[in-house]
């Protein structure tokens, strides 16, 4: 992770149901940021749904970047994401080419709480550091995530189509592989 992470009490941990309400608020904040930046359709007004958040927690995919910089040293969530072992069905077909066919993890539903600069990028950096081969995707209108991925060393690999979307299903596919 960046030097900023090393100089604080930042760490990654699995989310649990005690984090559910805070995670809902962070996703609501992320949806508003998306709308404010011209990306109203990627997550709309309800994604990720409560059932998706609950499933991420239950299946231990929900990860939190936290520190103890809150009032009186209380823990606060800086960013969250879903860490999903591959293969990801959405990545089975790509218009373009992945960097390789090696085992990978995918990161989905990345959201910053908006309380610390670079929190989402630091969460992404942790994934790369610990897993090496990482895939992600984002909407063409999500310039903030494109910037975060590209400045984190991810390569644009092509376009994928989300199988569970009836419209607005095209996403830019990214991969980073630490050789």
N, C-alpha and C. Protein backbone atom coordinates (compact mmCIF):
# COMPACT_ATOMS: atom_id res chain seq x y z
N UNK A 1 0.83 -1.17 0.00
CA UNK A 1 0.00 0.00 0.00
C UNK A 1 0.88 1.24 0.00
N UNK A 2 0.27 2.38 -0.20
CA UNK A 2 1.03 3.62 -0.27
C UNK A 2 1.63 3.97 1.09
N UNK A 3 2.53 4.95 1.06
CA UNK A 3 3.15 5.40 2.30
C UNK A 3 2.11 5.89 3.30
N UNK A 4 1.02 6.51 2.78
CA UNK A 4 -0.02 7.01 3.68
C UNK A 4 -0.62 5.88 4.50
N UNK A 5 -0.75 4.72 3.89
CA UNK A 5 -1.30 3.58 4.62
C UNK A 5 -0.32 3.10 5.68
N UNK A 6 0.96 3.06 5.33
CA UNK A 6 1.96 2.55 6.25
C UNK A 6 2.10 3.44 7.50
N UNK A 7 1.79 4.74 7.37
CA UNK A 7 2.00 5.65 8.49
C UNK A 7 0.78 5.74 9.41
N UNK A 8 -0.28 5.04 9.14
CA UNK A 8 -1.47 5.08 9.99
C UNK A 8 -1.78 3.68 10.48
N UNK A 9 -2.91 3.56 11.11
CA UNK A 9 -3.35 2.26 11.63
C UNK A 9 -4.26 1.56 10.62
N UNK A 10 -4.15 1.88 9.36
CA UNK A 10 -5.01 1.27 8.34
C UNK A 10 -4.74 -0.22 8.21
N UNK A 11 -5.83 -0.96 7.99
CA UNK A 11 -5.73 -2.41 7.78
C UNK A 11 -6.97 -2.86 7.03
N UNK A 12 -6.89 -4.03 6.47
CA UNK A 12 -8.02 -4.65 5.78
C UNK A 12 -8.56 -5.75 6.68
N UNK A 13 -9.88 -5.82 6.77
CA UNK A 13 -10.51 -6.91 7.51
C UNK A 13 -11.80 -7.31 6.80
N UNK A 14 -12.26 -8.53 7.13
CA UNK A 14 -13.56 -8.99 6.63
C UNK A 14 -14.67 -8.21 7.31
N UNK A 15 -15.70 -7.90 6.55
CA UNK A 15 -16.89 -7.26 7.13
C UNK A 15 -17.71 -8.32 7.85
N UNK A 16 -18.52 -7.86 8.81
CA UNK A 16 -19.48 -8.75 9.47
C UNK A 16 -20.82 -8.02 9.54
N UNK A 17 -21.83 -8.68 10.02
CA UNK A 17 -23.17 -8.08 10.01
C UNK A 17 -23.25 -6.83 10.87
N UNK A 18 -22.36 -6.66 11.83
CA UNK A 18 -22.34 -5.41 12.60
C UNK A 18 -21.97 -4.22 11.72
N UNK A 19 -21.33 -4.48 10.57
CA UNK A 19 -20.92 -3.42 9.65
C UNK A 19 -21.99 -3.09 8.61
N UNK A 20 -23.07 -3.86 8.58
CA UNK A 20 -24.06 -3.76 7.51
C UNK A 20 -24.60 -2.34 7.31
N UNK A 21 -25.05 -1.69 8.37
CA UNK A 21 -25.64 -0.35 8.24
C UNK A 21 -24.61 0.66 7.72
N UNK A 22 -23.39 0.58 8.22
CA UNK A 22 -22.35 1.49 7.74
C UNK A 22 -22.04 1.23 6.27
N UNK A 23 -22.05 -0.04 5.87
CA UNK A 23 -21.80 -0.37 4.47
C UNK A 23 -22.91 0.18 3.58
N UNK A 24 -24.15 0.07 4.02
CA UNK A 24 -25.27 0.64 3.25
C UNK A 24 -25.05 2.14 3.05
N UNK A 25 -24.64 2.85 4.10
CA UNK A 25 -24.41 4.29 4.00
C UNK A 25 -23.27 4.62 3.05
N UNK A 26 -22.22 3.83 3.08
CA UNK A 26 -21.08 4.06 2.19
C UNK A 26 -21.50 3.83 0.74
N UNK A 27 -22.27 2.78 0.48
CA UNK A 27 -22.74 2.56 -0.90
C UNK A 27 -23.68 3.68 -1.34
N UNK A 28 -24.51 4.19 -0.45
CA UNK A 28 -25.38 5.33 -0.79
C UNK A 28 -24.52 6.55 -1.14
N UNK A 29 -23.48 6.78 -0.36
CA UNK A 29 -22.55 7.88 -0.64
C UNK A 29 -21.89 7.68 -2.02
N UNK A 30 -21.46 6.47 -2.31
CA UNK A 30 -20.81 6.18 -3.59
C UNK A 30 -21.78 6.40 -4.76
N UNK A 31 -23.04 5.97 -4.59
CA UNK A 31 -24.03 6.21 -5.66
C UNK A 31 -24.21 7.70 -5.91
N UNK A 32 -24.21 8.51 -4.84
CA UNK A 32 -24.35 9.96 -5.01
C UNK A 32 -23.14 10.54 -5.73
N UNK A 33 -21.95 10.10 -5.37
CA UNK A 33 -20.73 10.56 -6.04
C UNK A 33 -20.79 10.19 -7.52
N UNK A 34 -21.24 8.97 -7.81
CA UNK A 34 -21.37 8.56 -9.22
C UNK A 34 -22.32 9.49 -9.95
N UNK A 35 -23.50 9.74 -9.37
CA UNK A 35 -24.48 10.63 -10.01
C UNK A 35 -23.89 12.02 -10.22
N UNK A 36 -23.21 12.54 -9.20
CA UNK A 36 -22.63 13.88 -9.28
C UNK A 36 -21.55 13.98 -10.35
N UNK A 37 -20.97 12.84 -10.74
CA UNK A 37 -19.91 12.81 -11.74
C UNK A 37 -20.36 12.23 -13.08
N UNK A 38 -21.67 12.26 -13.34
CA UNK A 38 -22.19 11.86 -14.64
C UNK A 38 -22.35 10.37 -14.85
N UNK A 39 -22.42 9.62 -13.78
CA UNK A 39 -22.54 8.16 -13.88
C UNK A 39 -23.75 7.68 -13.07
N UNK A 40 -24.93 8.10 -13.48
CA UNK A 40 -26.14 7.76 -12.74
C UNK A 40 -26.62 6.33 -12.98
N UNK A 41 -26.17 5.70 -14.06
CA UNK A 41 -26.76 4.41 -14.42
C UNK A 41 -25.99 3.18 -13.94
N UNK A 42 -24.71 3.29 -13.60
CA UNK A 42 -23.94 2.09 -13.24
C UNK A 42 -24.55 1.38 -12.03
N UNK A 43 -24.80 2.10 -10.96
CA UNK A 43 -25.39 1.51 -9.76
C UNK A 43 -26.81 1.98 -9.53
N UNK A 44 -27.28 2.93 -10.33
CA UNK A 44 -28.65 3.43 -10.15
C UNK A 44 -28.87 3.97 -8.75
N UNK A 45 -30.04 3.65 -8.19
CA UNK A 45 -30.37 4.15 -6.85
C UNK A 45 -30.41 3.06 -5.79
N UNK A 46 -30.20 1.80 -6.20
CA UNK A 46 -30.36 0.70 -5.23
C UNK A 46 -29.23 -0.32 -5.22
N UNK A 47 -28.28 -0.26 -6.16
CA UNK A 47 -27.21 -1.26 -6.22
C UNK A 47 -26.05 -0.80 -5.36
N UNK A 48 -25.40 -1.68 -4.66
CA UNK A 48 -25.79 -3.07 -4.43
C UNK A 48 -26.94 -3.16 -3.44
N UNK A 49 -27.81 -4.10 -3.71
CA UNK A 49 -28.98 -4.29 -2.85
C UNK A 49 -28.58 -4.85 -1.50
N UNK A 50 -29.51 -4.77 -0.56
CA UNK A 50 -29.24 -5.34 0.78
C UNK A 50 -28.89 -6.81 0.68
N UNK A 51 -29.56 -7.55 -0.20
CA UNK A 51 -29.28 -8.99 -0.30
C UNK A 51 -27.88 -9.24 -0.85
N UNK A 52 -27.40 -8.39 -1.74
CA UNK A 52 -26.02 -8.55 -2.24
C UNK A 52 -25.02 -8.25 -1.13
N UNK A 53 -25.26 -7.17 -0.38
CA UNK A 53 -24.35 -6.84 0.73
C UNK A 53 -24.33 -7.98 1.75
N UNK A 54 -25.52 -8.48 2.09
CA UNK A 54 -25.60 -9.59 3.05
C UNK A 54 -24.87 -10.82 2.53
N UNK A 55 -25.04 -11.14 1.25
CA UNK A 55 -24.36 -12.31 0.68
C UNK A 55 -22.84 -12.10 0.68
N UNK A 56 -22.39 -10.88 0.36
CA UNK A 56 -20.95 -10.61 0.41
C UNK A 56 -20.40 -10.82 1.82
N UNK A 57 -21.14 -10.37 2.82
CA UNK A 57 -20.69 -10.56 4.21
C UNK A 57 -20.71 -12.05 4.57
N UNK A 58 -21.82 -12.71 4.31
CA UNK A 58 -21.98 -14.12 4.66
C UNK A 58 -20.92 -15.00 3.99
N UNK A 59 -20.61 -14.71 2.73
CA UNK A 59 -19.65 -15.53 1.97
C UNK A 59 -18.22 -15.01 2.11
N UNK A 60 -18.02 -14.06 3.03
CA UNK A 60 -16.70 -13.52 3.37
C UNK A 60 -15.99 -12.89 2.17
N UNK A 61 -16.79 -12.28 1.28
CA UNK A 61 -16.23 -11.52 0.16
C UNK A 61 -16.10 -10.04 0.53
N UNK A 62 -16.92 -9.56 1.47
CA UNK A 62 -16.93 -8.14 1.82
C UNK A 62 -15.70 -7.81 2.66
N UNK A 63 -14.90 -6.88 2.14
CA UNK A 63 -13.66 -6.48 2.78
C UNK A 63 -13.72 -4.99 3.08
N UNK A 64 -13.13 -4.61 4.21
CA UNK A 64 -13.15 -3.22 4.64
C UNK A 64 -11.73 -2.72 4.87
N UNK A 65 -11.44 -1.52 4.40
CA UNK A 65 -10.24 -0.81 4.77
C UNK A 65 -10.63 0.06 5.95
N UNK A 66 -10.01 -0.16 7.10
CA UNK A 66 -10.39 0.54 8.33
C UNK A 66 -9.15 1.16 8.98
N UNK A 67 -9.42 2.11 9.87
CA UNK A 67 -8.38 2.63 10.75
C UNK A 67 -9.00 2.90 12.11
N UNK A 68 -8.21 3.39 13.04
CA UNK A 68 -8.70 3.73 14.37
C UNK A 68 -8.52 5.22 14.63
N UNK A 69 -8.86 6.00 13.62
CA UNK A 69 -8.70 7.45 13.70
C UNK A 69 -10.01 8.16 14.02
N UNK A 70 -11.05 7.40 14.38
CA UNK A 70 -12.32 8.01 14.76
C UNK A 70 -12.24 8.62 16.14
N UNK A 71 -13.35 9.17 16.62
CA UNK A 71 -13.36 9.76 17.97
C UNK A 71 -12.89 8.75 19.02
N UNK A 72 -12.00 9.20 19.89
CA UNK A 72 -11.46 8.36 20.96
C UNK A 72 -10.84 7.07 20.44
N UNK A 73 -10.27 7.12 19.24
CA UNK A 73 -9.61 5.95 18.67
C UNK A 73 -10.55 4.89 18.13
N UNK A 74 -11.81 5.25 17.91
CA UNK A 74 -12.79 4.29 17.39
C UNK A 74 -12.46 3.91 15.94
N UNK A 75 -12.78 2.69 15.60
CA UNK A 75 -12.58 2.22 14.23
C UNK A 75 -13.54 2.94 13.30
N UNK A 76 -13.05 3.26 12.12
CA UNK A 76 -13.91 3.81 11.07
C UNK A 76 -13.58 3.12 9.76
N UNK A 77 -14.61 2.96 8.94
CA UNK A 77 -14.44 2.34 7.63
C UNK A 77 -14.06 3.42 6.63
N UNK A 78 -12.98 3.20 5.90
CA UNK A 78 -12.50 4.16 4.90
C UNK A 78 -12.96 3.77 3.50
N UNK A 79 -13.01 2.47 3.22
CA UNK A 79 -13.42 1.97 1.90
C UNK A 79 -13.86 0.52 2.06
N UNK A 80 -14.60 0.06 1.08
CA UNK A 80 -15.06 -1.33 1.09
C UNK A 80 -15.09 -1.87 -0.33
N UNK A 81 -15.03 -3.20 -0.43
CA UNK A 81 -15.06 -3.85 -1.74
C UNK A 81 -15.40 -5.32 -1.54
N UNK A 82 -15.80 -5.95 -2.63
CA UNK A 82 -16.02 -7.40 -2.63
C UNK A 82 -14.82 -8.05 -3.31
N UNK A 83 -14.21 -8.99 -2.64
CA UNK A 83 -13.07 -9.74 -3.16
C UNK A 83 -13.58 -11.12 -3.57
N UNK A 84 -13.58 -11.37 -4.87
CA UNK A 84 -14.24 -12.57 -5.41
C UNK A 84 -13.22 -13.45 -6.14
N UNK A 85 -13.02 -14.67 -5.65
CA UNK A 85 -12.11 -15.56 -6.37
C UNK A 85 -12.67 -15.91 -7.75
N UNK A 86 -11.78 -15.99 -8.73
CA UNK A 86 -12.20 -16.36 -10.08
C UNK A 86 -12.39 -17.85 -10.18
N UNK A 87 -12.95 -18.33 -11.26
CA UNK A 87 -13.34 -17.53 -12.41
C UNK A 87 -14.68 -16.83 -12.21
N UNK A 88 -14.75 -15.61 -12.74
CA UNK A 88 -15.94 -14.79 -12.67
C UNK A 88 -16.73 -15.01 -13.97
N UNK A 89 -17.99 -15.44 -13.88
CA UNK A 89 -18.77 -15.69 -15.10
C UNK A 89 -18.86 -14.48 -16.02
N UNK A 90 -18.86 -13.28 -15.46
CA UNK A 90 -18.93 -12.07 -16.29
C UNK A 90 -17.68 -11.90 -17.15
N UNK A 91 -16.59 -12.55 -16.77
CA UNK A 91 -15.33 -12.39 -17.48
C UNK A 91 -15.03 -13.53 -18.46
N UNK A 92 -15.99 -14.43 -18.64
CA UNK A 92 -15.78 -15.58 -19.53
C UNK A 92 -15.60 -15.16 -20.98
N UNK A 93 -16.30 -14.10 -21.39
CA UNK A 93 -16.21 -13.62 -22.77
C UNK A 93 -15.82 -12.16 -22.75
N UNK A 94 -14.77 -11.85 -23.48
CA UNK A 94 -14.28 -10.47 -23.53
C UNK A 94 -14.08 -10.07 -24.99
N UNK A 95 -14.47 -8.86 -25.29
CA UNK A 95 -14.17 -8.27 -26.59
C UNK A 95 -12.82 -7.59 -26.39
N UNK A 96 -11.77 -8.30 -26.74
CA UNK A 96 -10.40 -7.90 -26.43
C UNK A 96 -9.68 -9.14 -25.93
N UNK A 97 -8.78 -8.97 -24.98
CA UNK A 97 -8.05 -10.13 -24.45
C UNK A 97 -7.54 -9.83 -23.05
N UNK A 98 -7.69 -10.81 -22.16
CA UNK A 98 -7.10 -10.71 -20.83
C UNK A 98 -5.59 -10.84 -20.97
N UNK A 99 -4.86 -10.39 -19.97
CA UNK A 99 -3.40 -10.49 -20.00
C UNK A 99 -2.93 -11.93 -19.98
N UNK A 100 -3.71 -12.80 -19.32
CA UNK A 100 -3.37 -14.22 -19.23
C UNK A 100 -4.60 -14.99 -18.79
N UNK A 101 -4.46 -16.30 -18.71
CA UNK A 101 -5.54 -17.16 -18.24
C UNK A 101 -5.22 -17.77 -16.88
N UNK A 102 -4.27 -17.19 -16.17
CA UNK A 102 -3.88 -17.67 -14.85
C UNK A 102 -5.00 -17.44 -13.84
N UNK A 103 -5.00 -18.16 -12.71
CA UNK A 103 -5.98 -17.91 -11.66
C UNK A 103 -5.91 -16.45 -11.19
N UNK A 104 -7.05 -15.89 -10.83
CA UNK A 104 -7.13 -14.48 -10.44
C UNK A 104 -8.22 -14.28 -9.40
N UNK A 105 -8.22 -13.11 -8.80
CA UNK A 105 -9.35 -12.63 -8.01
C UNK A 105 -9.92 -11.43 -8.73
N UNK A 106 -11.21 -11.20 -8.51
CA UNK A 106 -11.86 -10.01 -9.06
C UNK A 106 -12.26 -9.11 -7.91
N UNK A 107 -12.18 -7.81 -8.15
CA UNK A 107 -12.67 -6.85 -7.17
C UNK A 107 -13.91 -6.18 -7.74
N UNK A 108 -14.95 -6.17 -6.93
CA UNK A 108 -16.23 -5.59 -7.33
C UNK A 108 -16.73 -4.68 -6.21
N UNK A 109 -17.65 -3.82 -6.56
CA UNK A 109 -18.36 -2.97 -5.59
C UNK A 109 -17.41 -2.15 -4.71
N UNK A 110 -16.39 -1.58 -5.33
CA UNK A 110 -15.43 -0.75 -4.61
C UNK A 110 -16.11 0.58 -4.28
N UNK A 111 -16.04 0.99 -3.02
CA UNK A 111 -16.65 2.26 -2.61
C UNK A 111 -15.82 2.88 -1.49
N UNK A 112 -15.61 4.17 -1.61
CA UNK A 112 -14.93 4.93 -0.56
C UNK A 112 -15.97 5.57 0.35
N UNK A 113 -15.64 5.64 1.62
CA UNK A 113 -16.53 6.31 2.57
C UNK A 113 -16.45 7.82 2.44
N UNK A 114 -15.44 8.32 1.74
CA UNK A 114 -15.29 9.75 1.54
C UNK A 114 -14.65 10.49 2.70
N UNK A 115 -14.04 9.75 3.63
CA UNK A 115 -13.43 10.41 4.80
C UNK A 115 -11.91 10.54 4.68
N UNK A 116 -11.28 9.83 3.77
CA UNK A 116 -9.84 9.89 3.56
C UNK A 116 -9.54 9.85 2.07
N UNK A 117 -8.65 10.71 1.63
CA UNK A 117 -8.22 10.73 0.23
C UNK A 117 -7.48 9.43 -0.10
N UNK A 118 -7.70 8.89 -1.28
CA UNK A 118 -7.02 7.70 -1.80
C UNK A 118 -7.42 6.39 -1.12
N UNK A 119 -8.48 6.37 -0.35
CA UNK A 119 -8.85 5.16 0.38
C UNK A 119 -9.18 4.01 -0.57
N UNK A 120 -9.95 4.29 -1.62
CA UNK A 120 -10.29 3.22 -2.57
C UNK A 120 -9.03 2.70 -3.26
N UNK A 121 -8.15 3.61 -3.65
CA UNK A 121 -6.91 3.19 -4.30
C UNK A 121 -6.03 2.37 -3.35
N UNK A 122 -6.02 2.73 -2.08
CA UNK A 122 -5.25 1.94 -1.11
C UNK A 122 -5.84 0.55 -0.93
N UNK A 123 -7.16 0.43 -0.97
CA UNK A 123 -7.80 -0.89 -0.90
C UNK A 123 -7.42 -1.72 -2.11
N UNK A 124 -7.44 -1.11 -3.29
CA UNK A 124 -7.04 -1.81 -4.53
C UNK A 124 -5.58 -2.24 -4.44
N UNK A 125 -4.73 -1.36 -3.92
CA UNK A 125 -3.30 -1.69 -3.78
C UNK A 125 -3.11 -2.89 -2.86
N UNK A 126 -3.90 -2.99 -1.81
CA UNK A 126 -3.80 -4.13 -0.89
C UNK A 126 -4.13 -5.43 -1.64
N UNK A 127 -5.18 -5.39 -2.46
CA UNK A 127 -5.56 -6.59 -3.21
C UNK A 127 -4.42 -7.02 -4.14
N UNK A 128 -3.86 -6.07 -4.86
CA UNK A 128 -2.75 -6.39 -5.78
C UNK A 128 -1.57 -6.96 -5.01
N UNK A 129 -1.25 -6.35 -3.88
CA UNK A 129 -0.11 -6.80 -3.08
C UNK A 129 -0.31 -8.23 -2.58
N UNK A 130 -1.54 -8.59 -2.20
CA UNK A 130 -1.79 -9.89 -1.60
C UNK A 130 -2.21 -10.97 -2.59
N UNK A 131 -2.67 -10.59 -3.77
CA UNK A 131 -3.16 -11.60 -4.71
C UNK A 131 -2.45 -11.59 -6.05
N UNK A 132 -1.82 -10.50 -6.43
CA UNK A 132 -1.00 -10.47 -7.64
C UNK A 132 -1.74 -10.39 -8.94
N UNK A 133 -2.66 -11.31 -9.19
CA UNK A 133 -3.39 -11.32 -10.46
C UNK A 133 -4.84 -10.91 -10.17
N UNK A 134 -5.19 -9.70 -10.59
CA UNK A 134 -6.46 -9.10 -10.21
C UNK A 134 -7.18 -8.58 -11.45
N UNK A 135 -8.47 -8.85 -11.51
CA UNK A 135 -9.32 -8.31 -12.58
C UNK A 135 -10.40 -7.43 -11.97
N UNK A 136 -10.84 -6.47 -12.76
CA UNK A 136 -11.91 -5.56 -12.33
C UNK A 136 -12.61 -5.05 -13.59
N UNK A 137 -13.75 -4.43 -13.39
CA UNK A 137 -14.44 -3.78 -14.50
C UNK A 137 -15.17 -2.57 -13.98
N UNK A 138 -15.47 -1.65 -14.89
CA UNK A 138 -16.25 -0.48 -14.52
C UNK A 138 -16.96 0.08 -15.73
N UNK A 139 -17.91 0.92 -15.48
CA UNK A 139 -18.74 1.57 -16.49
C UNK A 139 -17.93 2.63 -17.24
N UNK A 140 -18.26 2.85 -18.49
CA UNK A 140 -17.57 3.87 -19.30
C UNK A 140 -17.72 5.27 -18.70
N UNK A 141 -18.79 5.52 -17.96
CA UNK A 141 -19.00 6.84 -17.34
C UNK A 141 -18.31 6.96 -15.97
N UNK A 142 -17.76 5.88 -15.46
CA UNK A 142 -17.13 5.93 -14.13
C UNK A 142 -15.66 6.32 -14.27
N UNK A 143 -15.45 7.60 -14.52
CA UNK A 143 -14.09 8.12 -14.74
C UNK A 143 -13.24 8.01 -13.47
N UNK A 144 -13.86 8.14 -12.30
CA UNK A 144 -13.10 8.04 -11.05
C UNK A 144 -12.51 6.65 -10.88
N UNK A 145 -13.30 5.60 -11.14
CA UNK A 145 -12.78 4.24 -11.00
C UNK A 145 -11.78 3.93 -12.11
N UNK A 146 -12.03 4.39 -13.32
CA UNK A 146 -11.06 4.19 -14.39
C UNK A 146 -9.71 4.79 -13.99
N UNK A 147 -9.74 6.00 -13.45
CA UNK A 147 -8.50 6.66 -13.01
C UNK A 147 -7.83 5.87 -11.88
N UNK A 148 -8.62 5.42 -10.91
CA UNK A 148 -8.06 4.65 -9.79
C UNK A 148 -7.39 3.37 -10.29
N UNK A 149 -8.03 2.66 -11.20
CA UNK A 149 -7.45 1.42 -11.72
C UNK A 149 -6.21 1.70 -12.56
N UNK A 150 -6.30 2.68 -13.45
CA UNK A 150 -5.18 2.95 -14.34
C UNK A 150 -3.97 3.49 -13.59
N UNK A 151 -4.17 4.32 -12.58
CA UNK A 151 -3.04 4.81 -11.79
C UNK A 151 -2.52 3.75 -10.82
N UNK A 152 -3.26 2.66 -10.67
CA UNK A 152 -2.81 1.52 -9.86
C UNK A 152 -2.13 0.46 -10.72
N UNK A 153 -1.88 0.77 -11.98
CA UNK A 153 -1.14 -0.14 -12.86
C UNK A 153 -1.98 -1.15 -13.60
N UNK A 154 -3.31 -1.02 -13.59
CA UNK A 154 -4.16 -1.93 -14.32
C UNK A 154 -4.16 -1.57 -15.80
N UNK A 155 -4.23 -2.60 -16.64
CA UNK A 155 -4.30 -2.42 -18.09
C UNK A 155 -5.74 -2.60 -18.55
N UNK A 156 -6.17 -1.75 -19.47
CA UNK A 156 -7.47 -1.96 -20.12
C UNK A 156 -7.33 -3.15 -21.06
N UNK A 157 -8.20 -4.12 -20.88
CA UNK A 157 -8.11 -5.36 -21.68
C UNK A 157 -9.20 -5.46 -22.73
N UNK A 158 -10.26 -4.71 -22.62
CA UNK A 158 -11.36 -4.80 -23.57
C UNK A 158 -12.68 -4.51 -22.90
N UNK A 159 -13.74 -5.07 -23.47
CA UNK A 159 -15.09 -4.87 -22.96
C UNK A 159 -15.73 -6.19 -22.60
N UNK A 160 -16.48 -6.19 -21.51
CA UNK A 160 -17.27 -7.37 -21.13
C UNK A 160 -18.72 -6.95 -21.05
N UNK A 161 -19.60 -7.94 -21.09
CA UNK A 161 -21.03 -7.70 -20.95
C UNK A 161 -21.51 -8.42 -19.70
N UNK A 162 -22.10 -7.67 -18.78
CA UNK A 162 -22.61 -8.28 -17.55
C UNK A 162 -23.82 -9.16 -17.87
N UNK A 163 -23.77 -10.43 -17.51
CA UNK A 163 -24.84 -11.35 -17.89
C UNK A 163 -26.17 -11.09 -17.18
N UNK A 164 -26.14 -10.42 -16.03
CA UNK A 164 -27.37 -10.22 -15.27
C UNK A 164 -28.00 -8.84 -15.49
N UNK A 165 -27.59 -8.14 -16.54
CA UNK A 165 -28.15 -6.83 -16.87
C UNK A 165 -28.88 -6.90 -18.20
N UNK A 166 -30.11 -6.40 -18.23
CA UNK A 166 -30.86 -6.41 -19.48
C UNK A 166 -30.53 -5.18 -20.33
N UNK A 167 -29.99 -4.13 -19.71
CA UNK A 167 -29.57 -2.94 -20.45
C UNK A 167 -28.36 -2.35 -19.74
N UNK A 168 -27.63 -1.48 -20.46
CA UNK A 168 -26.46 -0.80 -19.90
C UNK A 168 -25.49 -1.81 -19.28
N UNK A 169 -25.22 -2.89 -20.00
CA UNK A 169 -24.45 -4.01 -19.44
C UNK A 169 -22.98 -4.03 -19.85
N UNK A 170 -22.55 -3.12 -20.70
CA UNK A 170 -21.17 -3.12 -21.17
C UNK A 170 -20.27 -2.47 -20.12
N UNK A 171 -19.14 -3.11 -19.84
CA UNK A 171 -18.17 -2.59 -18.88
C UNK A 171 -16.77 -2.67 -19.47
N UNK A 172 -15.92 -1.74 -19.06
CA UNK A 172 -14.51 -1.77 -19.44
C UNK A 172 -13.81 -2.75 -18.50
N UNK A 173 -13.09 -3.70 -19.08
CA UNK A 173 -12.41 -4.75 -18.32
C UNK A 173 -10.95 -4.38 -18.10
N UNK A 174 -10.49 -4.60 -16.88
CA UNK A 174 -9.12 -4.28 -16.48
C UNK A 174 -8.46 -5.50 -15.84
N UNK A 175 -7.14 -5.55 -15.95
CA UNK A 175 -6.39 -6.59 -15.24
C UNK A 175 -5.02 -6.05 -14.86
N UNK A 176 -4.55 -6.50 -13.72
CA UNK A 176 -3.17 -6.25 -13.31
C UNK A 176 -2.62 -7.57 -12.82
N UNK A 177 -1.45 -7.91 -13.34
CA UNK A 177 -0.79 -9.15 -12.95
C UNK A 177 0.64 -8.82 -12.55
N UNK A 178 0.95 -9.10 -11.29
CA UNK A 178 2.33 -8.95 -10.80
C UNK A 178 3.08 -10.21 -11.20
N UNK A 179 3.92 -10.12 -12.16
CA UNK A 179 4.63 -11.29 -12.69
C UNK A 179 5.65 -11.73 -11.76
